[in-house]
Amino acid sequence: MSIRSILTNSSLPTVKQLQCFLAVAQELNFRKAAERINMTQPPLTRQIRCLEDLLGYELFNRNTHGVHLTKSGNDLLIEAEKIL
């Protein structure tokens, strides 16, 4: 199932989840994204995990060297920018 079809489904992400996703996708750093949207990192991470669970896709590859968008994350970035 594509990101676009999921976003037109009845279980939509919240605006807050999309804002958190956009911040992380643009910063590619959870700490900087949290600072940018005036929240702490743990709640931001929870928002992203909940969004990933809702969509059924991992949106970011996370490792000790950084954060990178997955293909699904990149697809969501395009759609989320249109929505917000």
PDB file of N, CA and C in Angstrom:
ATOM      1  N   MET A   1       0.850  -1.177   0.000  1.00  0.00           N
ATOM      2  CA  MET A   1       0.000   0.000   0.000  1.00  0.00           C
ATOM      3  C   MET A   1       0.893   1.237   0.000  1.00  0.00           C
ATOM      4  N   SER A   2       0.583   2.189  -0.842  1.00  0.00           N
ATOM      5  CA  SER A   2       1.422   3.381  -0.970  1.00  0.00           C
ATOM      6  C   SER A   2       1.102   4.404   0.113  1.00  0.00           C
ATOM      7  N   ILE A   3       2.034   5.312   0.332  1.00  0.00           N
ATOM      8  CA  ILE A   3       1.832   6.392   1.297  1.00  0.00           C
ATOM      9  C   ILE A   3       0.601   7.205   0.919  1.00  0.00           C
ATOM     10  N   ARG A   4       0.446   7.505  -0.349  1.00  0.00           N
ATOM     11  CA  ARG A   4      -0.703   8.302  -0.804  1.00  0.00           C
ATOM     12  C   ARG A   4      -2.022   7.619  -0.447  1.00  0.00           C
ATOM     13  N   SER A   5      -2.133   6.310  -0.684  1.00  0.00           N
ATOM     14  CA  SER A   5      -3.381   5.609  -0.376  1.00  0.00           C
ATOM     15  C   SER A   5      -3.612   5.527   1.128  1.00  0.00           C
ATOM     16  N   ILE A   6      -2.535   5.412   1.902  1.00  0.00           N
ATOM     17  CA  ILE A   6      -2.679   5.399   3.360  1.00  0.00           C
ATOM     18  C   ILE A   6      -3.188   6.750   3.846  1.00  0.00           C
ATOM     19  N   LEU A   7      -2.687   7.830   3.264  1.00  0.00           N
ATOM     20  CA  LEU A   7      -3.100   9.165   3.701  1.00  0.00           C
ATOM     21  C   LEU A   7      -4.550   9.472   3.348  1.00  0.00           C
ATOM     22  N   THR A   8      -5.143   8.729   2.447  1.00  0.00           N
ATOM     23  CA  THR A   8      -6.556   8.921   2.134  1.00  0.00           C
ATOM     24  C   THR A   8      -7.427   7.914   2.870  1.00  0.00           C
ATOM     25  N   ASN A   9      -6.814   7.094   3.710  1.00  0.00           N
ATOM     26  CA  ASN A   9      -7.506   6.103   4.516  1.00  0.00           C
ATOM     27  C   ASN A   9      -8.176   6.785   5.708  1.00  0.00           C
ATOM     28  N   SER A  10      -8.985   6.045   6.447  1.00  0.00           N
ATOM     29  CA  SER A  10      -9.700   6.617   7.586  1.00  0.00           C
ATOM     30  C   SER A  10      -8.793   6.872   8.796  1.00  0.00           C
ATOM     31  N   SER A  11      -7.686   6.151   8.923  1.00  0.00           N
ATOM     32  CA  SER A  11      -6.781   6.348  10.060  1.00  0.00           C
ATOM     33  C   SER A  11      -5.651   7.287   9.649  1.00  0.00           C
ATOM     34  N   LEU A  12      -5.931   8.554   9.693  1.00  0.00           N
ATOM     35  CA  LEU A  12      -4.981   9.568   9.241  1.00  0.00           C
ATOM     36  C   LEU A  12      -4.006   9.965  10.337  1.00  0.00           C
ATOM     37  N   PRO A  13      -2.798  10.346   9.963  1.00  0.00           N
ATOM     38  CA  PRO A  13      -1.864  10.900  10.952  1.00  0.00           C
ATOM     39  C   PRO A  13      -2.372  12.262  11.434  1.00  0.00           C
ATOM     40  N   THR A  14      -1.969  12.625  12.632  1.00  0.00           N
ATOM     41  CA  THR A  14      -2.343  13.938  13.160  1.00  0.00           C
ATOM     42  C   THR A  14      -1.444  15.008  12.551  1.00  0.00           C
ATOM     43  N   VAL A  15      -1.896  16.241  12.635  1.00  0.00           N
ATOM     44  CA  VAL A  15      -1.081  17.368  12.165  1.00  0.00           C
ATOM     45  C   VAL A  15       0.225  17.404  12.957  1.00  0.00           C
ATOM     46  N   LYS A  16       0.157  17.150  14.254  1.00  0.00           N
ATOM     47  CA  LYS A  16       1.360  17.151  15.104  1.00  0.00           C
ATOM     48  C   LYS A  16       2.359  16.098  14.618  1.00  0.00           C
ATOM     49  N   GLN A  17       1.871  14.909  14.284  1.00  0.00           N
ATOM     50  CA  GLN A  17       2.763  13.860  13.787  1.00  0.00           C
ATOM     51  C   GLN A  17       3.435  14.291  12.482  1.00  0.00           C
ATOM     52  N   LEU A  18       2.674  14.905  11.605  1.00  0.00           N
ATOM     53  CA  LEU A  18       3.243  15.360  10.335  1.00  0.00           C
ATOM     54  C   LEU A  18       4.246  16.487  10.548  1.00  0.00           C
ATOM     55  N   GLN A  19       3.950  17.396  11.489  1.00  0.00           N
ATOM     56  CA  GLN A  19       4.894  18.474  11.795  1.00  0.00           C
ATOM     57  C   GLN A  19       6.187  17.899  12.356  1.00  0.00           C
ATOM     58  N   CYS A  20       6.070  16.925  13.239  1.00  0.00           N
ATOM     59  CA  CYS A  20       7.263  16.282  13.802  1.00  0.00           C
ATOM     60  C   CYS A  20       8.043  15.569  12.707  1.00  0.00           C
ATOM     61  N   PHE A  21       7.336  14.852  11.857  1.00  0.00           N
ATOM     62  CA  PHE A  21       7.996  14.157  10.755  1.00  0.00           C
ATOM     63  C   PHE A  21       8.743  15.134   9.861  1.00  0.00           C
ATOM     64  N   LEU A  22       8.092  16.226   9.476  1.00  0.00           N
ATOM     65  CA  LEU A  22       8.740  17.207   8.596  1.00  0.00           C
ATOM     66  C   LEU A  22       9.996  17.785   9.230  1.00  0.00           C
ATOM     67  N   ALA A  23       9.926  18.088  10.518  1.00  0.00           N
ATOM     68  CA  ALA A  23      11.091  18.656  11.197  1.00  0.00           C
ATOM     69  C   ALA A  23      12.268  17.685  11.149  1.00  0.00           C
ATOM     70  N   VAL A  24      12.010  16.412  11.459  1.00  0.00           N
ATOM     71  CA  VAL A  24      13.087  15.422  11.438  1.00  0.00           C
ATOM     72  C   VAL A  24      13.572  15.195  10.007  1.00  0.00           C
ATOM     73  N   ALA A  25      12.652  15.130   9.054  1.00  0.00           N
ATOM     74  CA  ALA A  25      13.030  14.897   7.655  1.00  0.00           C
ATOM     75  C   ALA A  25      13.887  16.032   7.115  1.00  0.00           C
ATOM     76  N   GLN A  26      13.608  17.249   7.541  1.00  0.00           N
ATOM     77  CA  GLN A  26      14.375  18.395   7.056  1.00  0.00           C
ATOM     78  C   GLN A  26      15.704  18.549   7.783  1.00  0.00           C
ATOM     79  N   GLU A  27      15.723  18.260   9.066  1.00  0.00           N
ATOM     80  CA  GLU A  27      16.962  18.395   9.855  1.00  0.00           C
ATOM     81  C   GLU A  27      17.848  17.145   9.774  1.00  0.00           C
ATOM     82  N   LEU A  28      17.209  15.981   9.575  1.00  0.00           N
ATOM     83  CA  LEU A  28      17.893  14.684   9.641  1.00  0.00           C
ATOM     84  C   LEU A  28      18.672  14.525  10.950  1.00  0.00           C
ATOM     85  N   ASN A  29      18.058  15.042  12.006  1.00  0.00           N
ATOM     86  CA  ASN A  29      18.649  14.992  13.336  1.00  0.00           C
ATOM     87  C   ASN A  29      17.511  15.200  14.334  1.00  0.00           C
ATOM     88  N   PHE A  30      17.294  14.219  15.220  1.00  0.00           N
ATOM     89  CA  PHE A  30      16.171  14.301  16.149  1.00  0.00           C
ATOM     90  C   PHE A  30      16.335  15.438  17.159  1.00  0.00           C
ATOM     91  N   ARG A  31      17.546  15.642  17.666  1.00  0.00           N
ATOM     92  CA  ARG A  31      17.773  16.701  18.645  1.00  0.00           C
ATOM     93  C   ARG A  31      17.502  18.071  18.040  1.00  0.00           C
ATOM     94  N   LYS A  32      18.048  18.324  16.860  1.00  0.00           N
ATOM     95  CA  LYS A  32      17.844  19.616  16.202  1.00  0.00           C
ATOM     96  C   LYS A  32      16.385  19.817  15.818  1.00  0.00           C
ATOM     97  N   ALA A  33      15.731  18.756  15.371  1.00  0.00           N
ATOM     98  CA  ALA A  33      14.315  18.855  15.018  1.00  0.00           C
ATOM     99  C   ALA A  33      13.475  19.184  16.247  1.00  0.00           C
ATOM    100  N   ALA A  34      13.788  18.547  17.362  1.00  0.00           N
ATOM    101  CA  ALA A  34      13.050  18.815  18.605  1.00  0.00           C
ATOM    102  C   ALA A  34      13.222  20.272  19.026  1.00  0.00           C
ATOM    103  N   GLU A  35      14.438  20.776  18.961  1.00  0.00           N
ATOM    104  CA  GLU A  35      14.681  22.178  19.309  1.00  0.00           C
ATOM    105  C   GLU A  35      13.904  23.103  18.380  1.00  0.00           C
ATOM    106  N   ARG A  36      13.896  22.775  17.105  1.00  0.00           N
ATOM    107  CA  ARG A  36      13.229  23.607  16.103  1.00  0.00           C
ATOM    108  C   ARG A  36      11.730  23.746  16.358  1.00  0.00           C
ATOM    109  N   ILE A  37      11.105  22.674  16.822  1.00  0.00           N
ATOM    110  CA  ILE A  37       9.659  22.743  17.059  1.00  0.00           C
ATOM    111  C   ILE A  37       9.323  22.854  18.546  1.00  0.00           C
ATOM    112  N   ASN A  38      10.306  23.264  19.327  1.00  0.00           N
ATOM    113  CA  ASN A  38      10.117  23.569  20.758  1.00  0.00           C
ATOM    114  C   ASN A  38       9.544  22.414  21.563  1.00  0.00           C
ATOM    115  N   MET A  39      10.176  21.259  21.412  1.00  0.00           N
ATOM    116  CA  MET A  39       9.815  20.132  22.260  1.00  0.00           C
ATOM    117  C   MET A  39      11.091  19.373  22.595  1.00  0.00           C
ATOM    118  N   THR A  40      10.991  18.430  23.498  1.00  0.00           N
ATOM    119  CA  THR A  40      12.166  17.629  23.839  1.00  0.00           C
ATOM    120  C   THR A  40      12.215  16.405  22.925  1.00  0.00           C
ATOM    121  N   GLN A  41      13.361  15.770  22.906  1.00  0.00           N
ATOM    122  CA  GLN A  41      13.569  14.660  21.974  1.00  0.00           C
ATOM    123  C   GLN A  41      12.696  13.434  22.271  1.00  0.00           C
ATOM    124  N   PRO A  42      12.513  13.002  23.524  1.00  0.00           N
ATOM    125  CA  PRO A  42      11.703  11.787  23.741  1.00  0.00           C
ATOM    126  C   PRO A  42      10.266  11.869  23.191  1.00  0.00           C
ATOM    127  N   PRO A  43       9.532  12.969  23.419  1.00  0.00           N
ATOM    128  CA  PRO A  43       8.188  13.023  22.834  1.00  0.00           C
ATOM    129  C   PRO A  43       8.210  13.077  21.300  1.00  0.00           C
ATOM    130  N   LEU A  44       9.222  13.720  20.748  1.00  0.00           N
ATOM    131  CA  LEU A  44       9.353  13.763  19.290  1.00  0.00           C
ATOM    132  C   LEU A  44       9.571  12.351  18.751  1.00  0.00           C
ATOM    133  N   THR A  45      10.444  11.610  19.381  1.00  0.00           N
ATOM    134  CA  THR A  45      10.708  10.236  18.975  1.00  0.00           C
ATOM    135  C   THR A  45       9.439   9.390  19.078  1.00  0.00           C
ATOM    136  N   ARG A  46       8.662   9.576  20.144  1.00  0.00           N
ATOM    137  CA  ARG A  46       7.401   8.845  20.295  1.00  0.00           C
ATOM    138  C   ARG A  46       6.418   9.187  19.182  1.00  0.00           C
ATOM    139  N   GLN A  47       6.340  10.477  18.815  1.00  0.00           N
ATOM    140  CA  GLN A  47       5.452  10.883  17.723  1.00  0.00           C
ATOM    141  C   GLN A  47       5.836  10.179  16.424  1.00  0.00           C
ATOM    142  N   ILE A  48       7.130  10.112  16.159  1.00  0.00           N
ATOM    143  CA  ILE A  48       7.603   9.459  14.931  1.00  0.00           C
ATOM    144  C   ILE A  48       7.309   7.962  14.974  1.00  0.00           C
ATOM    145  N   ARG A  49       7.551   7.323  16.107  1.00  0.00           N
ATOM    146  CA  ARG A  49       7.267   5.882  16.249  1.00  0.00           C
ATOM    147  C   ARG A  49       5.774   5.605  16.053  1.00  0.00           C
ATOM    148  N   CYS A  50       4.929   6.450  16.639  1.00  0.00           N
ATOM    149  CA  CYS A  50       3.476   6.278  16.473  1.00  0.00           C
ATOM    150  C   CYS A  50       3.074   6.454  15.016  1.00  0.00           C
ATOM    151  N   LEU A  51       3.667   7.414  14.338  1.00  0.00           N
ATOM    152  CA  LEU A  51       3.386   7.633  12.924  1.00  0.00           C
ATOM    153  C   LEU A  51       3.829   6.423  12.100  1.00  0.00           C
ATOM    154  N   GLU A  52       5.005   5.899  12.394  1.00  0.00           N
ATOM    155  CA  GLU A  52       5.485   4.713  11.687  1.00  0.00           C
ATOM    156  C   GLU A  52       4.564   3.519  11.930  1.00  0.00           C
ATOM    157  N   ASP A  53       4.094   3.371  13.166  1.00  0.00           N
ATOM    158  CA  ASP A  53       3.170   2.276  13.481  1.00  0.00           C
ATOM    159  C   ASP A  53       1.850   2.451  12.734  1.00  0.00           C
ATOM    160  N   LEU A  54       1.353   3.671  12.686  1.00  0.00           N
ATOM    161  CA  LEU A  54       0.100   3.965  11.999  1.00  0.00           C
ATOM    162  C   LEU A  54       0.207   3.657  10.509  1.00  0.00           C
ATOM    163  N   LEU A  55       1.310   4.066   9.900  1.00  0.00           N
ATOM    164  CA  LEU A  55       1.490   3.879   8.467  1.00  0.00           C
ATOM    165  C   LEU A  55       1.957   2.469   8.105  1.00  0.00           C
ATOM    166  N   GLY A  56       2.601   1.802   9.063  1.00  0.00           N
ATOM    167  CA  GLY A  56       3.122   0.465   8.798  1.00  0.00           C
ATOM    168  C   GLY A  56       4.435   0.469   8.035  1.00  0.00           C
ATOM    169  N   TYR A  57       5.135   1.588   8.065  1.00  0.00           N
ATOM    170  CA  TYR A  57       6.417   1.738   7.366  1.00  0.00           C
ATOM    171  C   TYR A  57       7.428   2.400   8.283  1.00  0.00           C
ATOM    172  N   GLU A  58       8.694   2.009   8.149  1.00  0.00           N
ATOM    173  CA  GLU A  58       9.764   2.776   8.781  1.00  0.00           C
ATOM    174  C   GLU A  58      10.027   3.974   7.895  1.00  0.00           C
ATOM    175  N   LEU A  59      10.093   5.138   8.488  1.00  0.00           N
ATOM    176  CA  LEU A  59      10.283   6.369   7.731  1.00  0.00           C
ATOM    177  C   LEU A  59      11.729   6.822   7.716  1.00  0.00           C
ATOM    178  N   PHE A  60      12.489   6.383   8.710  1.00  0.00           N
ATOM    179  CA  PHE A  60      13.891   6.778   8.837  1.00  0.00           C
ATOM    180  C   PHE A  60      14.756   5.559   9.100  1.00  0.00           C
ATOM    181  N   ASN A  61      15.948   5.570   8.538  1.00  0.00           N
ATOM    182  CA  ASN A  61      17.006   4.646   8.937  1.00  0.00           C
ATOM    183  C   ASN A  61      17.811   5.387   9.990  1.00  0.00           C
ATOM    184  N   ARG A  62      17.897   4.803  11.169  1.00  0.00           N
ATOM    185  CA  ARG A  62      18.622   5.428  12.267  1.00  0.00           C
ATOM    186  C   ARG A  62      19.813   4.547  12.620  1.00  0.00           C
ATOM    187  N   ASN A  63      20.969   5.175  12.782  1.00  0.00           N
ATOM    188  CA  ASN A  63      22.137   4.455  13.274  1.00  0.00           C
ATOM    189  C   ASN A  63      23.054   5.454  13.965  1.00  0.00           C
ATOM    190  N   THR A  64      24.185   4.983  14.416  1.00  0.00           N
ATOM    191  CA  THR A  64      25.097   5.863  15.159  1.00  0.00           C
ATOM    192  C   THR A  64      25.712   6.939  14.271  1.00  0.00           C
ATOM    193  N   HIS A  65      25.603   6.772  12.965  1.00  0.00           N
ATOM    194  CA  HIS A  65      26.188   7.745  12.042  1.00  0.00           C
ATOM    195  C   HIS A  65      25.193   8.791  11.558  1.00  0.00           C
ATOM    196  N   GLY A  66      23.926   8.616  11.896  1.00  0.00           N
ATOM    197  CA  GLY A  66      22.957   9.621  11.483  1.00  0.00           C
ATOM    198  C   GLY A  66      21.575   9.068  11.213  1.00  0.00           C
ATOM    199  N   VAL A  67      20.760   9.935  10.654  1.00  0.00           N
ATOM    200  CA  VAL A  67      19.371   9.636  10.334  1.00  0.00           C
ATOM    201  C   VAL A  67      19.192   9.892   8.841  1.00  0.00           C
ATOM    202  N   HIS A  68      18.543   8.956   8.161  1.00  0.00           N
ATOM    203  CA  HIS A  68      18.305   9.095   6.726  1.00  0.00           C
ATOM    204  C   HIS A  68      16.880   8.671   6.416  1.00  0.00           C
ATOM    205  N   LEU A  69      16.259   9.323   5.457  1.00  0.00           N
ATOM    206  CA  LEU A  69      14.923   8.949   5.026  1.00  0.00           C
ATOM    207  C   LEU A  69      14.952   7.628   4.272  1.00  0.00           C
ATOM    208  N   THR A  70      13.955   6.792   4.529  1.00  0.00           N
ATOM    209  CA  THR A  70      13.744   5.598   3.715  1.00  0.00           C
ATOM    210  C   THR A  70      12.971   6.026   2.464  1.00  0.00           C
ATOM    211  N   LYS A  71      12.734   5.107   1.554  1.00  0.00           N
ATOM    212  CA  LYS A  71      11.914   5.423   0.384  1.00  0.00           C
ATOM    213  C   LYS A  71      10.520   5.849   0.825  1.00  0.00           C
ATOM    214  N   SER A  72       9.950   5.133   1.789  1.00  0.00           N
ATOM    215  CA  SER A  72       8.626   5.502   2.307  1.00  0.00           C
ATOM    216  C   SER A  72       8.672   6.876   2.964  1.00  0.00           C
ATOM    217  N   GLY A  73       9.756   7.166   3.674  1.00  0.00           N
ATOM    218  CA  GLY A  73       9.919   8.476   4.293  1.00  0.00           C
ATOM    219  C   GLY A  73       9.983   9.581   3.262  1.00  0.00           C
ATOM    220  N   ASN A  74      10.686   9.327   2.188  1.00  0.00           N
ATOM    221  CA  ASN A  74      10.779  10.316   1.112  1.00  0.00           C
ATOM    222  C   ASN A  74       9.413  10.529   0.460  1.00  0.00           C
ATOM    223  N   ASP A  75       8.667   9.443   0.246  1.00  0.00           N
ATOM    224  CA  ASP A  75       7.313   9.556  -0.307  1.00  0.00           C
ATOM    225  C   ASP A  75       6.415  10.374   0.622  1.00  0.00           C
ATOM    226  N   LEU A  76       6.512  10.108   1.924  1.00  0.00           N
ATOM    227  CA  LEU A  76       5.694  10.857   2.879  1.00  0.00           C
ATOM    228  C   LEU A  76       6.108  12.320   2.921  1.00  0.00           C
ATOM    229  N   LEU A  77       7.390  12.601   2.797  1.00  0.00           N
ATOM    230  CA  LEU A  77       7.863  13.982   2.798  1.00  0.00           C
ATOM    231  C   LEU A  77       7.172  14.782   1.699  1.00  0.00           C
ATOM    232  N   ILE A  78       7.081  14.221   0.525  1.00  0.00           N
ATOM    233  CA  ILE A  78       6.428  14.904  -0.597  1.00  0.00           C
ATOM    234  C   ILE A  78       4.963  15.169  -0.281  1.00  0.00           C
ATOM    235  N   GLU A  79       4.273  14.176   0.246  1.00  0.00           N
ATOM    236  CA  GLU A  79       2.832  14.316   0.549  1.00  0.00           C
ATOM    237  C   GLU A  79       2.606  15.244   1.743  1.00  0.00           C
ATOM    238  N   ALA A  80       3.448  15.123   2.777  1.00  0.00           N
ATOM    239  CA  ALA A  80       3.269  15.947   3.985  1.00  0.00           C
ATOM    240  C   ALA A  80       3.486  17.429   3.674  1.00  0.00           C
ATOM    241  N   GLU A  81       4.445  17.731   2.818  1.00  0.00           N
ATOM    242  CA  GLU A  81       4.670  19.125   2.429  1.00  0.00           C
ATOM    243  C   GLU A  81       3.443  19.692   1.709  1.00  0.00           C
ATOM    244  N   LYS A  82       2.787  18.879   0.898  1.00  0.00           N
ATOM    245  CA  LYS A  82       1.561  19.320   0.222  1.00  0.00           C
ATOM    246  C   LYS A  82       0.438  19.556   1.234  1.00  0.00           C
ATOM    247  N   ILE A  83       0.327  18.659   2.207  1.00  0.00           N
ATOM    248  CA  ILE A  83      -0.754  18.746   3.186  1.00  0.00           C
ATOM    249  C   ILE A  83      -0.576  19.944   4.097  1.00  0.00           C
ATOM    250  N   LEU A  84       0.647  20.149   4.588  1.00  0.00           N
ATOM    251  CA  LEU A  84       0.870  21.224   5.549  1.00  0.00           C
ATOM    252  C   LEU A  84       1.252  22.512   4.851  1.00  0.00           C
TER     253      LEU A  84
END
